[in-house]
């Protein structure tokens, strides 16, 4: 990753997820890459999860950051919210990468709708 210019990684899945890389923090540290872990329960994303994610992204604002989870569902959704709420990007443009991965349903749909509404953003991709 360092060869590709990444300076930080934010990992959004719990470390107990079966196919997580247990020594990811050490692997990244050897490359001089900052590792931030924000474990988000897939079945229960919260406003506090987004707040921690936004704070981490703000702290790393001048760095090239890779956001990942297991299959890009958490990462794509949280990045969309960050781009829209904090970055003030057009929600339609910011949502396009999410749609390439999935269309959030259930708790994730409600979570996204709640976060957008709480921030005065009128956008319904569902």
N, C-alpha and C. Protein backbone atom coordinates (compact mmCIF):
# COMPACT_ATOMS: atom_id res chain seq x y z
N UNK A 1 0.81 -1.20 0.00
CA UNK A 1 0.00 0.00 0.00
C UNK A 1 0.86 1.26 0.00
N UNK A 2 1.97 1.23 0.72
CA UNK A 2 2.81 2.42 0.76
C UNK A 2 3.35 2.74 -0.63
N UNK A 3 3.60 1.72 -1.43
CA UNK A 3 4.07 1.93 -2.80
C UNK A 3 3.01 2.64 -3.65
N UNK A 4 1.76 2.53 -3.25
CA UNK A 4 0.67 3.20 -3.97
C UNK A 4 0.32 4.55 -3.34
N UNK A 5 1.10 4.96 -2.38
CA UNK A 5 0.93 6.28 -1.80
C UNK A 5 0.01 6.37 -0.61
N UNK A 6 -0.52 5.24 -0.15
CA UNK A 6 -1.41 5.29 1.01
C UNK A 6 -0.60 5.55 2.27
N UNK A 7 -1.15 6.43 3.10
CA UNK A 7 -0.49 6.81 4.34
C UNK A 7 -1.29 6.37 5.56
N UNK A 8 -2.54 5.97 5.34
CA UNK A 8 -3.39 5.55 6.45
C UNK A 8 -4.44 4.56 5.96
N UNK A 9 -4.86 3.69 6.88
CA UNK A 9 -5.93 2.72 6.62
C UNK A 9 -6.92 2.81 7.77
N UNK A 10 -8.20 2.90 7.41
CA UNK A 10 -9.27 2.83 8.40
C UNK A 10 -10.01 1.52 8.14
N UNK A 11 -10.04 0.67 9.16
CA UNK A 11 -10.68 -0.64 9.06
C UNK A 11 -11.96 -0.62 9.89
N UNK A 12 -13.09 -0.95 9.26
CA UNK A 12 -14.40 -0.78 9.89
C UNK A 12 -15.07 -2.05 10.39
N UNK A 13 -14.48 -3.19 10.20
CA UNK A 13 -15.09 -4.43 10.69
C UNK A 13 -14.44 -4.84 12.01
N UNK A 14 -15.16 -5.58 12.84
CA UNK A 14 -14.54 -6.09 14.07
C UNK A 14 -13.38 -7.04 13.73
N UNK A 15 -12.36 -7.04 14.57
CA UNK A 15 -11.21 -7.91 14.32
C UNK A 15 -11.58 -9.39 14.42
N UNK A 16 -12.69 -9.69 15.07
CA UNK A 16 -13.11 -11.08 15.23
C UNK A 16 -13.74 -11.66 13.97
N UNK A 17 -13.94 -10.84 12.95
CA UNK A 17 -14.51 -11.35 11.70
C UNK A 17 -13.57 -12.42 11.16
N UNK A 18 -14.14 -13.54 10.76
CA UNK A 18 -13.37 -14.72 10.39
C UNK A 18 -12.22 -14.52 9.44
N UNK A 19 -12.37 -13.71 8.41
CA UNK A 19 -11.28 -13.58 7.44
C UNK A 19 -10.52 -12.27 7.57
N UNK A 20 -10.58 -11.66 8.76
CA UNK A 20 -9.80 -10.44 8.97
C UNK A 20 -8.32 -10.81 9.07
N UNK A 21 -7.48 -9.85 8.81
CA UNK A 21 -6.03 -10.06 8.89
C UNK A 21 -5.60 -9.65 10.30
N UNK A 22 -5.34 -10.64 11.13
CA UNK A 22 -5.07 -10.38 12.55
C UNK A 22 -3.89 -9.44 12.78
N UNK A 23 -2.88 -9.55 11.94
CA UNK A 23 -1.70 -8.71 12.14
C UNK A 23 -1.67 -7.51 11.18
N UNK A 24 -2.84 -7.10 10.70
CA UNK A 24 -2.90 -5.94 9.80
C UNK A 24 -2.24 -4.70 10.39
N UNK A 25 -2.48 -4.37 11.67
CA UNK A 25 -1.81 -3.18 12.21
C UNK A 25 -0.28 -3.27 12.13
N UNK A 26 0.27 -4.43 12.40
CA UNK A 26 1.72 -4.60 12.36
C UNK A 26 2.25 -4.54 10.92
N UNK A 27 1.53 -5.15 10.00
CA UNK A 27 1.93 -5.12 8.59
C UNK A 27 1.98 -3.67 8.10
N UNK A 28 0.96 -2.91 8.45
CA UNK A 28 0.90 -1.52 8.02
C UNK A 28 1.95 -0.67 8.71
N UNK A 29 2.17 -0.92 9.99
CA UNK A 29 3.18 -0.15 10.74
C UNK A 29 4.56 -0.32 10.11
N UNK A 30 4.87 -1.53 9.65
CA UNK A 30 6.17 -1.77 9.01
C UNK A 30 6.32 -0.96 7.73
N UNK A 31 5.20 -0.56 7.13
CA UNK A 31 5.23 0.25 5.92
C UNK A 31 5.10 1.74 6.24
N UNK A 32 5.01 2.07 7.52
CA UNK A 32 4.86 3.46 7.92
C UNK A 32 3.45 3.99 7.71
N UNK A 33 2.48 3.09 7.67
CA UNK A 33 1.08 3.47 7.43
C UNK A 33 0.32 3.47 8.75
N UNK A 34 -0.41 4.55 8.99
CA UNK A 34 -1.25 4.67 10.18
C UNK A 34 -2.45 3.74 10.05
N UNK A 35 -2.74 3.01 11.13
CA UNK A 35 -3.89 2.11 11.15
C UNK A 35 -4.90 2.62 12.17
N UNK A 36 -6.15 2.78 11.73
CA UNK A 36 -7.23 3.20 12.62
C UNK A 36 -8.31 2.12 12.55
N UNK A 37 -8.69 1.62 13.71
CA UNK A 37 -9.72 0.58 13.76
C UNK A 37 -10.98 1.13 14.41
N UNK A 38 -12.06 1.10 13.65
CA UNK A 38 -13.37 1.53 14.15
C UNK A 38 -14.32 0.36 13.91
N UNK A 39 -14.42 -0.57 14.86
CA UNK A 39 -15.27 -1.74 14.65
C UNK A 39 -16.75 -1.38 14.65
N UNK A 40 -17.41 -1.62 13.54
CA UNK A 40 -18.83 -1.33 13.41
C UNK A 40 -19.58 -2.66 13.31
N UNK A 41 -20.50 -2.88 14.23
CA UNK A 41 -21.33 -4.08 14.18
C UNK A 41 -22.21 -3.99 12.94
N UNK A 42 -22.09 -4.94 12.04
CA UNK A 42 -22.80 -4.84 10.76
C UNK A 42 -24.31 -4.72 10.95
N UNK A 43 -24.85 -5.39 11.92
CA UNK A 43 -26.30 -5.36 12.13
C UNK A 43 -26.78 -4.21 13.01
N UNK A 44 -25.84 -3.32 13.39
CA UNK A 44 -26.24 -2.22 14.26
C UNK A 44 -25.31 -1.01 14.13
N UNK A 45 -25.23 -0.40 12.94
CA UNK A 45 -24.43 0.82 12.82
C UNK A 45 -25.09 1.95 13.61
N UNK A 46 -24.27 2.81 14.19
CA UNK A 46 -24.82 3.88 15.04
C UNK A 46 -24.29 5.25 14.62
N UNK A 47 -24.96 6.26 15.11
CA UNK A 47 -24.48 7.62 14.89
C UNK A 47 -23.10 7.82 15.49
N UNK A 48 -22.84 7.18 16.63
CA UNK A 48 -21.51 7.27 17.25
C UNK A 48 -20.45 6.65 16.35
N UNK A 49 -20.80 5.57 15.63
CA UNK A 49 -19.86 4.97 14.67
C UNK A 49 -19.50 5.99 13.60
N UNK A 50 -20.51 6.67 13.07
CA UNK A 50 -20.23 7.67 12.04
C UNK A 50 -19.40 8.82 12.61
N UNK A 51 -19.71 9.25 13.81
CA UNK A 51 -18.95 10.34 14.43
C UNK A 51 -17.48 9.96 14.57
N UNK A 52 -17.20 8.73 15.00
CA UNK A 52 -15.81 8.27 15.13
C UNK A 52 -15.14 8.21 13.76
N UNK A 53 -15.88 7.73 12.76
CA UNK A 53 -15.34 7.65 11.41
C UNK A 53 -15.02 9.05 10.88
N UNK A 54 -15.96 9.97 11.04
CA UNK A 54 -15.75 11.34 10.55
C UNK A 54 -14.57 11.99 11.26
N UNK A 55 -14.45 11.77 12.56
CA UNK A 55 -13.32 12.34 13.30
C UNK A 55 -11.99 11.78 12.79
N UNK A 56 -11.96 10.47 12.54
CA UNK A 56 -10.74 9.86 12.01
C UNK A 56 -10.40 10.41 10.63
N UNK A 57 -11.40 10.52 9.78
CA UNK A 57 -11.17 11.07 8.44
C UNK A 57 -10.67 12.51 8.53
N UNK A 58 -11.24 13.29 9.43
CA UNK A 58 -10.79 14.67 9.60
C UNK A 58 -9.35 14.72 10.11
N UNK A 59 -9.01 13.83 11.04
CA UNK A 59 -7.64 13.77 11.56
C UNK A 59 -6.64 13.40 10.47
N UNK A 60 -7.10 12.65 9.49
CA UNK A 60 -6.22 12.18 8.41
C UNK A 60 -6.42 12.96 7.12
N UNK A 61 -7.00 14.14 7.22
CA UNK A 61 -7.41 14.92 6.04
C UNK A 61 -6.30 15.17 5.04
N UNK A 62 -5.08 15.26 5.48
CA UNK A 62 -3.97 15.56 4.57
C UNK A 62 -3.23 14.30 4.13
N UNK A 63 -3.83 13.15 4.36
CA UNK A 63 -3.19 11.89 3.99
C UNK A 63 -4.06 11.13 2.99
N UNK A 64 -3.41 10.27 2.22
CA UNK A 64 -4.15 9.38 1.33
C UNK A 64 -4.60 8.19 2.18
N UNK A 65 -5.93 8.00 2.26
CA UNK A 65 -6.52 7.03 3.18
C UNK A 65 -7.26 5.93 2.42
N UNK A 66 -7.04 4.69 2.83
CA UNK A 66 -7.82 3.56 2.33
C UNK A 66 -8.81 3.18 3.43
N UNK A 67 -10.09 3.18 3.09
CA UNK A 67 -11.13 2.75 4.02
C UNK A 67 -11.59 1.37 3.57
N UNK A 68 -11.58 0.41 4.49
CA UNK A 68 -12.04 -0.93 4.10
C UNK A 68 -12.71 -1.64 5.26
N UNK A 69 -13.43 -2.70 4.89
CA UNK A 69 -14.06 -3.58 5.87
C UNK A 69 -13.85 -4.99 5.35
N UNK A 70 -14.89 -5.76 5.18
CA UNK A 70 -14.72 -7.11 4.64
C UNK A 70 -15.14 -7.19 3.18
N UNK A 71 -16.32 -6.70 2.87
CA UNK A 71 -16.77 -6.77 1.47
C UNK A 71 -17.25 -5.41 0.97
N UNK A 72 -16.78 -4.34 1.62
CA UNK A 72 -16.99 -2.96 1.20
C UNK A 72 -18.40 -2.43 1.44
N UNK A 73 -19.17 -3.06 2.28
CA UNK A 73 -20.50 -2.55 2.56
C UNK A 73 -20.44 -1.43 3.60
N UNK A 74 -19.76 -1.68 4.72
CA UNK A 74 -19.58 -0.63 5.72
C UNK A 74 -18.79 0.53 5.12
N UNK A 75 -17.68 0.20 4.48
CA UNK A 75 -16.77 1.23 3.97
C UNK A 75 -17.44 2.13 2.94
N UNK A 76 -18.16 1.54 2.00
CA UNK A 76 -18.81 2.37 0.97
C UNK A 76 -19.88 3.26 1.58
N UNK A 77 -20.63 2.74 2.52
CA UNK A 77 -21.70 3.52 3.15
C UNK A 77 -21.15 4.66 4.01
N UNK A 78 -20.15 4.37 4.82
CA UNK A 78 -19.59 5.40 5.69
C UNK A 78 -18.86 6.47 4.87
N UNK A 79 -18.19 6.05 3.81
CA UNK A 79 -17.51 7.03 2.96
C UNK A 79 -18.52 7.92 2.26
N UNK A 80 -19.63 7.34 1.80
CA UNK A 80 -20.70 8.14 1.20
C UNK A 80 -21.19 9.19 2.19
N UNK A 81 -21.48 8.77 3.41
CA UNK A 81 -21.98 9.72 4.41
C UNK A 81 -20.96 10.81 4.68
N UNK A 82 -19.70 10.44 4.79
CA UNK A 82 -18.66 11.44 5.04
C UNK A 82 -18.57 12.44 3.89
N UNK A 83 -18.53 11.93 2.68
CA UNK A 83 -18.43 12.82 1.52
C UNK A 83 -19.62 13.77 1.45
N UNK A 84 -20.80 13.27 1.81
CA UNK A 84 -22.02 14.06 1.71
C UNK A 84 -22.18 15.02 2.89
N UNK A 85 -22.02 14.52 4.09
CA UNK A 85 -22.26 15.33 5.29
C UNK A 85 -21.11 16.28 5.58
N UNK A 86 -19.91 15.76 5.59
CA UNK A 86 -18.75 16.58 5.95
C UNK A 86 -18.19 17.31 4.72
N UNK A 87 -18.07 16.57 3.62
CA UNK A 87 -17.48 17.14 2.42
C UNK A 87 -18.44 17.98 1.59
N UNK A 88 -19.73 17.93 1.94
CA UNK A 88 -20.76 18.71 1.24
C UNK A 88 -20.83 18.40 -0.26
N UNK A 89 -20.49 17.17 -0.62
CA UNK A 89 -20.58 16.76 -2.02
C UNK A 89 -22.03 16.48 -2.40
N UNK A 90 -22.30 16.55 -3.67
CA UNK A 90 -23.62 16.21 -4.20
C UNK A 90 -23.91 14.75 -3.83
N UNK A 91 -24.99 14.49 -3.10
CA UNK A 91 -25.28 13.12 -2.67
C UNK A 91 -25.40 12.12 -3.83
N UNK A 92 -25.95 12.56 -4.94
CA UNK A 92 -26.09 11.66 -6.08
C UNK A 92 -24.73 11.20 -6.59
N UNK A 93 -23.79 12.13 -6.66
CA UNK A 93 -22.43 11.81 -7.11
C UNK A 93 -21.74 10.92 -6.07
N UNK A 94 -21.89 11.27 -4.80
CA UNK A 94 -21.23 10.51 -3.74
C UNK A 94 -21.80 9.11 -3.58
N UNK A 95 -23.07 8.92 -3.95
CA UNK A 95 -23.71 7.61 -3.79
C UNK A 95 -23.37 6.64 -4.93
N UNK A 96 -22.93 7.16 -6.06
CA UNK A 96 -22.64 6.30 -7.22
C UNK A 96 -21.69 5.15 -6.89
N UNK A 97 -20.58 5.37 -6.15
CA UNK A 97 -19.71 4.24 -5.82
C UNK A 97 -20.38 3.21 -4.92
N UNK A 98 -21.30 3.65 -4.07
CA UNK A 98 -22.02 2.70 -3.21
C UNK A 98 -22.84 1.76 -4.07
N UNK A 99 -23.55 2.32 -5.05
CA UNK A 99 -24.41 1.51 -5.92
C UNK A 99 -23.63 0.48 -6.72
N UNK A 100 -22.35 0.73 -6.94
CA UNK A 100 -21.52 -0.25 -7.65
C UNK A 100 -21.26 -1.48 -6.79
N UNK A 101 -21.39 -1.30 -5.47
CA UNK A 101 -21.13 -2.39 -4.52
C UNK A 101 -22.42 -3.05 -4.06
N UNK A 102 -23.39 -2.22 -3.68
CA UNK A 102 -24.65 -2.75 -3.15
C UNK A 102 -25.67 -1.63 -3.04
N UNK A 103 -26.90 -2.01 -2.77
CA UNK A 103 -27.94 -1.05 -2.41
C UNK A 103 -28.30 -1.37 -0.96
N UNK A 104 -27.90 -0.48 -0.03
CA UNK A 104 -28.16 -0.75 1.38
C UNK A 104 -29.64 -0.99 1.66
N UNK A 105 -29.90 -1.98 2.49
CA UNK A 105 -31.26 -2.31 2.91
C UNK A 105 -31.29 -2.43 4.42
N UNK A 106 -32.47 -2.64 4.96
CA UNK A 106 -32.61 -2.90 6.39
C UNK A 106 -31.98 -1.84 7.27
N UNK A 107 -31.18 -2.29 8.24
CA UNK A 107 -30.59 -1.36 9.20
C UNK A 107 -29.67 -0.34 8.53
N UNK A 108 -29.00 -0.74 7.45
CA UNK A 108 -28.10 0.20 6.78
C UNK A 108 -28.88 1.27 6.03
N UNK A 109 -29.99 0.90 5.43
CA UNK A 109 -30.82 1.90 4.76
C UNK A 109 -31.33 2.91 5.80
N UNK A 110 -31.85 2.39 6.90
CA UNK A 110 -32.37 3.28 7.96
C UNK A 110 -31.25 4.15 8.53
N UNK A 111 -30.09 3.57 8.75
CA UNK A 111 -28.94 4.32 9.27
C UNK A 111 -28.57 5.47 8.35
N UNK A 112 -28.47 5.19 7.06
CA UNK A 112 -28.12 6.23 6.10
C UNK A 112 -29.19 7.32 6.06
N UNK A 113 -30.44 6.90 6.00
CA UNK A 113 -31.54 7.88 5.98
C UNK A 113 -31.52 8.76 7.23
N UNK A 114 -31.29 8.15 8.38
CA UNK A 114 -31.27 8.89 9.65
C UNK A 114 -30.13 9.89 9.68
N UNK A 115 -28.94 9.46 9.24
CA UNK A 115 -27.79 10.37 9.24
C UNK A 115 -27.99 11.54 8.28
N UNK A 116 -28.52 11.26 7.11
CA UNK A 116 -28.76 12.34 6.15
C UNK A 116 -29.79 13.33 6.71
N UNK A 117 -30.89 12.80 7.22
CA UNK A 117 -31.95 13.66 7.76
C UNK A 117 -31.44 14.50 8.92
N UNK A 118 -30.66 13.90 9.81
CA UNK A 118 -30.13 14.61 10.97
C UNK A 118 -29.22 15.77 10.56
N UNK A 119 -28.69 15.68 9.35
CA UNK A 119 -27.80 16.72 8.86
C UNK A 119 -28.45 17.59 7.79
N UNK A 120 -29.77 17.49 7.69
CA UNK A 120 -30.52 18.36 6.79
C UNK A 120 -30.32 18.09 5.32
N UNK A 121 -29.96 16.86 4.99
CA UNK A 121 -29.73 16.50 3.59
C UNK A 121 -30.92 15.71 3.08
N UNK A 122 -31.57 16.26 2.09
CA UNK A 122 -32.74 15.63 1.50
C UNK A 122 -32.29 14.83 0.27
N UNK A 123 -32.13 13.54 0.45
CA UNK A 123 -31.69 12.66 -0.63
C UNK A 123 -32.21 11.27 -0.32
N UNK A 124 -32.87 10.66 -1.28
CA UNK A 124 -33.41 9.32 -1.09
C UNK A 124 -32.97 8.42 -2.24
N UNK A 125 -31.87 7.71 -2.05
CA UNK A 125 -31.39 6.82 -3.10
C UNK A 125 -32.12 5.49 -3.14
N UNK A 126 -33.06 5.28 -2.22
CA UNK A 126 -33.72 3.99 -2.09
C UNK A 126 -35.07 4.01 -2.74
